[in-house]
Amino acid sequence: MLLSSGEDQPDFPTTDLISGWRTLLDFGSVAGDSARAVGLWMDAAVEYPDQRPVVFKVLRGAVDTAGRAGGSHPRHRLRDLLYLWQPVPAVDADLERVRLRHELVDLLDHDRSRSVALYRPVRVDRGGPTP
């Protein structure tokens, strides 16, 4: 599915994929099919670097909890699945997989921190508050 997109293909159906991943992460376990699915997608991101933006967009969208009940459980489940895909420390850890996992986890953390920020930080100088 990831590889079928291209100039001669219609736009990639990311909204449908986000919905499917959200369902899997909301109700799936951290083992079995969920772990295999995350593993396949992350392996595709390693093997086909040009598809990484789509993989990351879909997985980030699936755990975006803005306006949804359920808090951050899907995000935690995805993080657990990413560590199953490429555990660290591991004697035989693939450095590219570790780097890719860290990159996605950092993006997930950034998304979460933006979603819970209730105010814009203000710097206080001698002249008073500055946004």
C-alpha atoms as a PDB file:
ATOM      1  CA  MET A   1       0.000   0.000   0.000  1.00  0.00           C
ATOM      2  CA  LEU A   2       2.804   2.425   0.882  1.00  0.00           C
ATOM      3  CA  LEU A   3       4.665   1.605  -2.313  1.00  0.00           C
ATOM      4  CA  SER A   4       1.641   1.944  -4.597  1.00  0.00           C
ATOM      5  CA  SER A   5       1.647   5.730  -4.348  1.00  0.00           C
ATOM      6  CA  GLY A   6       3.368   7.791  -7.001  1.00  0.00           C
ATOM      7  CA  GLU A   7       2.841  10.366  -9.694  1.00  0.00           C
ATOM      8  CA  ASP A   8       0.392   8.147 -11.570  1.00  0.00           C
ATOM      9  CA  GLN A   9      -1.454   7.043  -8.395  1.00  0.00           C
ATOM     10  CA  PRO A  10      -4.234   8.875  -6.534  1.00  0.00           C
ATOM     11  CA  ASP A  11      -3.437  10.630  -3.262  1.00  0.00           C
ATOM     12  CA  PHE A  12      -2.540   8.314  -0.408  1.00  0.00           C
ATOM     13  CA  PRO A  13      -5.610   7.616   1.802  1.00  0.00           C
ATOM     14  CA  THR A  14      -3.970   8.764   5.043  1.00  0.00           C
ATOM     15  CA  THR A  15      -7.250   9.556   6.833  1.00  0.00           C
ATOM     16  CA  ASP A  16      -8.438   5.968   6.406  1.00  0.00           C
ATOM     17  CA  LEU A  17      -5.079   4.617   7.534  1.00  0.00           C
ATOM     18  CA  ILE A  18      -5.035   6.915  10.564  1.00  0.00           C
ATOM     19  CA  SER A  19      -8.489   5.679  11.510  1.00  0.00           C
ATOM     20  CA  GLY A  20      -7.442   2.045  11.151  1.00  0.00           C
ATOM     21  CA  TRP A  21      -4.270   2.526  13.177  1.00  0.00           C
ATOM     22  CA  ARG A  22      -6.211   4.434  15.846  1.00  0.00           C
ATOM     23  CA  THR A  23      -8.582   1.489  16.205  1.00  0.00           C
ATOM     24  CA  LEU A  24      -5.691  -0.962  16.449  1.00  0.00           C
ATOM     25  CA  LEU A  25      -3.869   1.128  19.058  1.00  0.00           C
ATOM     26  CA  ASP A  26      -7.023   1.917  21.060  1.00  0.00           C
ATOM     27  CA  PHE A  27      -8.094  -1.690  21.388  1.00  0.00           C
ATOM     28  CA  GLY A  28      -5.151  -3.853  20.373  1.00  0.00           C
ATOM     29  CA  SER A  29      -2.719  -5.513  22.689  1.00  0.00           C
ATOM     30  CA  VAL A  30       1.016  -4.920  22.740  1.00  0.00           C
ATOM     31  CA  ALA A  31       1.600  -8.367  21.317  1.00  0.00           C
ATOM     32  CA  GLY A  32       0.627 -10.376  18.282  1.00  0.00           C
ATOM     33  CA  ASP A  33      -0.931  -8.568  15.343  1.00  0.00           C
ATOM     34  CA  SER A  34      -0.299  -5.079  16.741  1.00  0.00           C
ATOM     35  CA  ALA A  35       3.425  -5.738  17.154  1.00  0.00           C
ATOM     36  CA  ARG A  36       3.673  -7.285  13.680  1.00  0.00           C
ATOM     37  CA  ALA A  37       1.831  -4.351  12.089  1.00  0.00           C
ATOM     38  CA  VAL A  38       4.092  -1.743  13.710  1.00  0.00           C
ATOM     39  CA  GLY A  39       7.114  -3.847  12.790  1.00  0.00           C
ATOM     40  CA  LEU A  40       6.072  -4.012   9.133  1.00  0.00           C
ATOM     41  CA  TRP A  41       5.478  -0.268   8.921  1.00  0.00           C
ATOM     42  CA  MET A  42       8.735   0.620  10.640  1.00  0.00           C
ATOM     43  CA  ASP A  43      10.647  -1.882   8.489  1.00  0.00           C
ATOM     44  CA  ALA A  44       9.141  -0.195   5.429  1.00  0.00           C
ATOM     45  CA  ALA A  45      10.315   3.181   6.778  1.00  0.00           C
ATOM     46  CA  VAL A  46      13.844   1.784   7.127  1.00  0.00           C
ATOM     47  CA  GLU A  47      13.900   0.168   3.700  1.00  0.00           C
ATOM     48  CA  TYR A  48      12.113   2.978   1.826  1.00  0.00           C
ATOM     49  CA  PRO A  49      13.261   6.319   3.314  1.00  0.00           C
ATOM     50  CA  ASP A  50      11.038   8.250   0.892  1.00  0.00           C
ATOM     51  CA  GLN A  51       7.999   6.705   2.621  1.00  0.00           C
ATOM     52  CA  ARG A  52       9.020   7.808   6.141  1.00  0.00           C
ATOM     53  CA  PRO A  53       6.942  11.000   6.052  1.00  0.00           C
ATOM     54  CA  VAL A  54       3.800   8.974   5.277  1.00  0.00           C
ATOM     55  CA  VAL A  55       4.578   6.351   7.940  1.00  0.00           C
ATOM     56  CA  PHE A  56       5.260   9.012  10.565  1.00  0.00           C
ATOM     57  CA  LYS A  57       2.200  11.094   9.566  1.00  0.00           C
ATOM     58  CA  VAL A  58      -0.127   8.116   9.863  1.00  0.00           C
ATOM     59  CA  LEU A  59       1.264   6.860  13.184  1.00  0.00           C
ATOM     60  CA  ARG A  60       1.362  10.367  14.684  1.00  0.00           C
ATOM     61  CA  GLY A  61      -2.207  10.959  13.526  1.00  0.00           C
ATOM     62  CA  ALA A  62      -3.341   7.691  15.067  1.00  0.00           C
ATOM     63  CA  VAL A  63      -2.175   8.705  18.530  1.00  0.00           C
ATOM     64  CA  ASP A  64      -3.279  12.345  18.321  1.00  0.00           C
ATOM     65  CA  THR A  65      -5.734  12.653  21.193  1.00  0.00           C
ATOM     66  CA  ALA A  66      -6.759  16.273  20.594  1.00  0.00           C
ATOM     67  CA  GLY A  67     -10.522  16.457  21.071  1.00  0.00           C
ATOM     68  CA  ARG A  68     -10.803  12.768  21.981  1.00  0.00           C
ATOM     69  CA  ALA A  69     -11.466  11.021  25.236  1.00  0.00           C
ATOM     70  CA  GLY A  70      -8.935   8.377  26.147  1.00  0.00           C
ATOM     71  CA  GLY A  71      -5.888  10.433  26.997  1.00  0.00           C
ATOM     72  CA  SER A  72      -2.544   9.142  25.882  1.00  0.00           C
ATOM     73  CA  HIS A  73      -3.117   5.373  26.017  1.00  0.00           C
ATOM     74  CA  PRO A  74      -2.682   4.882  22.236  1.00  0.00           C
ATOM     75  CA  ARG A  75       0.569   6.866  22.392  1.00  0.00           C
ATOM     76  CA  HIS A  76       1.897   4.670  25.200  1.00  0.00           C
ATOM     77  CA  ARG A  77       0.874   1.538  23.336  1.00  0.00           C
ATOM     78  CA  LEU A  78       2.633   2.724  20.172  1.00  0.00           C
ATOM     79  CA  ARG A  79       5.787   3.537  22.140  1.00  0.00           C
ATOM     80  CA  ASP A  80       5.728   0.044  23.658  1.00  0.00           C
ATOM     81  CA  LEU A  81       5.313  -1.484  20.201  1.00  0.00           C
ATOM     82  CA  LEU A  82       8.204   0.579  18.842  1.00  0.00           C
ATOM     83  CA  TYR A  83      10.442  -0.757  21.594  1.00  0.00           C
ATOM     84  CA  LEU A  84       9.354  -4.300  20.765  1.00  0.00           C
ATOM     85  CA  TRP A  85      10.282  -3.608  17.135  1.00  0.00           C
ATOM     86  CA  GLN A  86      13.772  -2.396  18.076  1.00  0.00           C
ATOM     87  CA  PRO A  87      14.746  -2.854  21.697  1.00  0.00           C
ATOM     88  CA  VAL A  88      17.702  -1.022  23.199  1.00  0.00           C
ATOM     89  CA  PRO A  89      20.079  -1.914  24.599  1.00  0.00           C
ATOM     90  CA  ALA A  90      20.407  -4.962  22.423  1.00  0.00           C
ATOM     91  CA  VAL A  91      23.647  -6.591  21.367  1.00  0.00           C
ATOM     92  CA  ASP A  92      22.508  -6.856  17.755  1.00  0.00           C
ATOM     93  CA  ALA A  93      20.657  -3.503  17.593  1.00  0.00           C
ATOM     94  CA  ASP A  94      20.484  -2.025  14.109  1.00  0.00           C
ATOM     95  CA  LEU A  95      21.618   1.590  14.485  1.00  0.00           C
ATOM     96  CA  GLU A  96      19.351   2.853  11.679  1.00  0.00           C
ATOM     97  CA  ARG A  97      16.322   1.226  13.315  1.00  0.00           C
ATOM     98  CA  VAL A  98      17.282   2.676  16.702  1.00  0.00           C
ATOM     99  CA  ARG A  99      17.707   6.135  15.140  1.00  0.00           C
ATOM    100  CA  LEU A 100      14.370   5.873  13.350  1.00  0.00           C
ATOM    101  CA  ARG A 101      12.581   4.746  16.520  1.00  0.00           C
ATOM    102  CA  HIS A 102      14.107   7.645  18.465  1.00  0.00           C
ATOM    103  CA  GLU A 103      13.065  10.084  15.737  1.00  0.00           C
ATOM    104  CA  LEU A 104       9.434   8.949  15.834  1.00  0.00           C
ATOM    105  CA  VAL A 105       9.311   8.813  19.655  1.00  0.00           C
ATOM    106  CA  ASP A 106      10.714  12.361  19.797  1.00  0.00           C
ATOM    107  CA  LEU A 107       8.005  13.528  17.395  1.00  0.00           C
ATOM    108  CA  LEU A 108       5.328  11.803  19.490  1.00  0.00           C
ATOM    109  CA  ASP A 109       6.666  13.497  22.630  1.00  0.00           C
ATOM    110  CA  HIS A 110       6.730  16.859  20.859  1.00  0.00           C
ATOM    111  CA  ASP A 111       3.138  16.385  19.672  1.00  0.00           C
ATOM    112  CA  ARG A 112       2.044  15.504  23.195  1.00  0.00           C
ATOM    113  CA  SER A 113       3.808  18.452  24.809  1.00  0.00           C
ATOM    114  CA  ARG A 114       2.151  20.833  22.335  1.00  0.00           C
ATOM    115  CA  SER A 115      -1.267  19.322  22.971  1.00  0.00           C
ATOM    116  CA  VAL A 116      -1.071  19.759  26.748  1.00  0.00           C
ATOM    117  CA  ALA A 117       0.420  23.259  26.770  1.00  0.00           C
ATOM    118  CA  LEU A 118      -2.276  25.424  28.307  1.00  0.00           C
ATOM    119  CA  TYR A 119      -0.428  28.693  27.972  1.00  0.00           C
ATOM    120  CA  ARG A 120       2.318  30.289  25.983  1.00  0.00           C
ATOM    121  CA  PRO A 121       5.527  30.686  28.006  1.00  0.00           C
ATOM    122  CA  VAL A 122       6.283  34.235  29.008  1.00  0.00           C
ATOM    123  CA  ARG A 123       9.772  35.607  29.605  1.00  0.00           C
ATOM    124  CA  VAL A 124       9.962  38.227  32.326  1.00  0.00           C
ATOM    125  CA  ASP A 125      12.468  41.011  31.736  1.00  0.00           C
ATOM    126  CA  ARG A 126      13.110  44.134  33.775  1.00  0.00           C
ATOM    127  CA  GLY A 127      10.602  45.990  31.627  1.00  0.00           C
ATOM    128  CA  GLY A 128       7.817  43.476  32.364  1.00  0.00           C
ATOM    129  CA  PRO A 129       6.486  40.287  30.757  1.00  0.00           C
ATOM    130  CA  THR A 130       7.384  39.581  27.137  1.00  0.00           C
ATOM    131  CA  PRO A 131       5.517  36.934  25.104  1.00  0.00           C
END
